[in-house]
C-alpha atoms as a PDB file:
ATOM      1  CA  MET A   1      86.525 151.789  97.873  1.00  0.00           C
ATOM      2  CA  GLU A   2      84.617 151.183 101.021  1.00  0.00           C
ATOM      3  CA  THR A   3      86.863 149.361 102.529  1.00  0.00           C
ATOM      4  CA  GLU A   4      89.907 152.040 102.205  1.00  0.00           C
ATOM      5  CA  TRP A   5      87.379 154.251 104.127  1.00  0.00           C
ATOM      6  CA  TYR A   6      86.884 151.966 106.997  1.00  0.00           C
ATOM      7  CA  TYR A   7      90.705 151.559 107.658  1.00  0.00           C
ATOM      8  CA  GLN A   8      90.706 154.994 107.193  1.00  0.00           C
ATOM      9  CA  ARG A   9      88.180 156.129 109.696  1.00  0.00           C
ATOM     10  CA  HIS A  10      89.648 152.972 111.956  1.00  0.00           C
ATOM     11  CA  GLU A  11      93.333 154.830 112.094  1.00  0.00           C
ATOM     12  CA  ARG A  12      91.641 158.387 112.862  1.00  0.00           C
ATOM     13  CA  GLU A  13      89.346 157.009 115.867  1.00  0.00           C
ATOM     14  CA  THR A  14      92.262 154.439 117.637  1.00  0.00           C
ATOM     15  CA  GLY A  15      94.994 155.787 116.450  1.00  0.00           C
ATOM     16  CA  VAL A  16      96.073 152.454 115.010  1.00  0.00           C
ATOM     17  CA  LYS A  17      97.124 151.777 111.696  1.00  0.00           C
ATOM     18  CA  LYS A  18      95.306 148.825 109.991  1.00  0.00           C
ATOM     19  CA  ASN A  19      96.958 147.162 107.065  1.00  0.00           C
ATOM     20  CA  TYR A  20      95.215 144.814 104.662  1.00  0.00           C
ATOM     21  CA  CYS A  21      95.851 142.832 101.642  1.00  0.00           C
ATOM     22  CA  THR A  22      95.808 144.361  98.470  1.00  0.00           C
ATOM     23  CA  ASP A  23      93.030 141.909  97.312  1.00  0.00           C
ATOM     24  CA  GLY A  24      91.127 142.735 100.626  1.00  0.00           C
ATOM     25  CA  THR A  25      90.867 139.354 101.776  1.00  0.00           C
ATOM     26  CA  ALA A  26      92.527 139.668 105.356  1.00  0.00           C
ATOM     27  CA  GLU A  27      92.419 142.061 107.999  1.00  0.00           C
ATOM     28  CA  VAL A  28      95.558 142.525 110.133  1.00  0.00           C
ATOM     29  CA  GLU A  29      96.376 145.037 112.892  1.00  0.00           C
ATOM     30  CA  ASP A  30      99.563 146.470 113.372  1.00  0.00           C
ATOM     31  CA  ASP A  31     101.079 144.303 110.432  1.00  0.00           C
ATOM     32  CA  THR A  32     105.016 144.627 109.903  1.00  0.00           C
ATOM     33  CA  LYS A  33     106.098 144.447 106.266  1.00  0.00           C
ATOM     34  CA  GLU A  34     108.314 141.565 106.935  1.00  0.00           C
ATOM     35  CA  GLU A  35     104.986 139.859 108.336  1.00  0.00           C
ATOM     36  CA  ALA A  36     102.797 141.239 105.177  1.00  0.00           C
ATOM     37  CA  ALA A  37     105.625 139.646 102.907  1.00  0.00           C
ATOM     38  CA  LEU A  38     105.881 136.369 104.499  1.00  0.00           C
ATOM     39  CA  ARG A  39     102.161 136.234 104.408  1.00  0.00           C
ATOM     40  CA  ALA A  40     102.265 137.101 100.467  1.00  0.00           C
ATOM     41  CA  SER A  41     104.949 134.542  99.818  1.00  0.00           C
ATOM     42  CA  TRP A  42     102.751 131.777 101.441  1.00  0.00           C
ATOM     43  CA  ARG A  43      99.712 132.691  99.630  1.00  0.00           C
ATOM     44  CA  THR A  44     101.991 132.746  96.408  1.00  0.00           C
ATOM     45  CA  ARG A  45     103.458 129.424  96.890  1.00  0.00           C
ATOM     46  CA  ARG A  46      99.768 127.742  97.943  1.00  0.00           C
ATOM     47  CA  ARG A  47      98.646 129.178  94.458  1.00  0.00           C
ATOM     48  CA  ILE A  48     101.799 128.068  92.755  1.00  0.00           C
ATOM     49  CA  LEU A  49     100.744 124.073  94.143  1.00  0.00           C
ATOM     50  CA  VAL A  50      97.212 124.516  93.127  1.00  0.00           C
ATOM     51  CA  GLU A  51      98.075 125.544  89.531  1.00  0.00           C
ATOM     52  CA  ARG A  52     100.311 122.423  89.719  1.00  0.00           C
ATOM     53  CA  HIS A  53      97.909 120.305  91.064  1.00  0.00           C
ATOM     54  CA  ARG A  54      95.587 121.939  88.222  1.00  0.00           C
ATOM     55  CA  ALA A  55      98.069 120.928  85.754  1.00  0.00           C
ATOM     56  CA  LEU A  56      98.708 117.317  86.814  1.00  0.00           C
ATOM     57  CA  ILE A  57      94.702 116.607  86.650  1.00  0.00           C
ATOM     58  CA  ARG A  58      94.911 117.990  82.848  1.00  0.00           C
ATOM     59  CA  LEU A  59      97.659 116.116  82.288  1.00  0.00           C
ATOM     60  CA  GLU A  60      96.181 112.990  83.405  1.00  0.00           C
ATOM     61  CA  ASP A  61      92.915 113.721  81.428  1.00  0.00           C
ATOM     62  CA  LEU A  62      94.793 114.642  78.323  1.00  0.00           C
ATOM     63  CA  GLN A  63      96.335 110.900  78.807  1.00  0.00           C
ATOM     64  CA  GLU A  64      93.348 108.993  79.850  1.00  0.00           C
ATOM     65  CA  ARG A  65      91.826 110.802  76.231  1.00  0.00           C
ATOM     66  CA  ILE A  66      95.175 109.673  73.949  1.00  0.00           C
ATOM     67  CA  GLN A  67      94.916 106.375  75.422  1.00  0.00           C
ATOM     68  CA  MET A  68      91.065 106.280  74.234  1.00  0.00           C
ATOM     69  CA  VAL A  69      91.966 107.643  71.128  1.00  0.00           C
ATOM     70  CA  GLU A  70      94.662 105.207  70.587  1.00  0.00           C
ATOM     71  CA  ALA A  71      92.185 102.408  71.503  1.00  0.00           C
ATOM     72  CA  THR A  72      89.509 103.440  68.921  1.00  0.00           C
ATOM     73  CA  LYS A  73      92.491 103.506  66.108  1.00  0.00           C
ATOM     74  CA  ALA A  74      93.520 100.339  67.298  1.00  0.00           C
ATOM     75  CA  LYS A  75      89.831  98.847  66.773  1.00  0.00           C
ATOM     76  CA  MET A  76      89.279 100.691  63.537  1.00  0.00           C
ATOM     77  CA  GLY A  77      92.675  99.586  62.138  1.00  0.00           C
ATOM     78  CA  GLU A  78      91.433  95.819  62.892  1.00  0.00           C
ATOM     79  CA  HIS A  79      87.987  96.325  60.921  1.00  0.00           C
ATOM     80  CA  VAL A  80      89.644  98.116  58.190  1.00  0.00           C
ATOM     81  CA  GLY A  81      91.886  94.879  57.673  1.00  0.00           C
ATOM     82  CA  GLU A  82      88.700  92.587  58.093  1.00  0.00           C
ATOM     83  CA  LYS A  83      87.249  94.024  54.874  1.00  0.00           C
END
């Protein structure tokens, strides 16, 4: 992987080890394990919040669809009663 090569070269040339996220989204110099764990926990929390938000939006959409179906059934029931 190209990023791994870059970090290995950086460490050889400067003597400073650069750590990076496993998904390659962040570059952090002289990161401690505690800081990396804290940052990972915040990313996890944010991802969970985003997933919950998306689930709530889907739930609202489903509730609207159910209301539309119930309204359509009620209208069809009225038409059936007229015949």
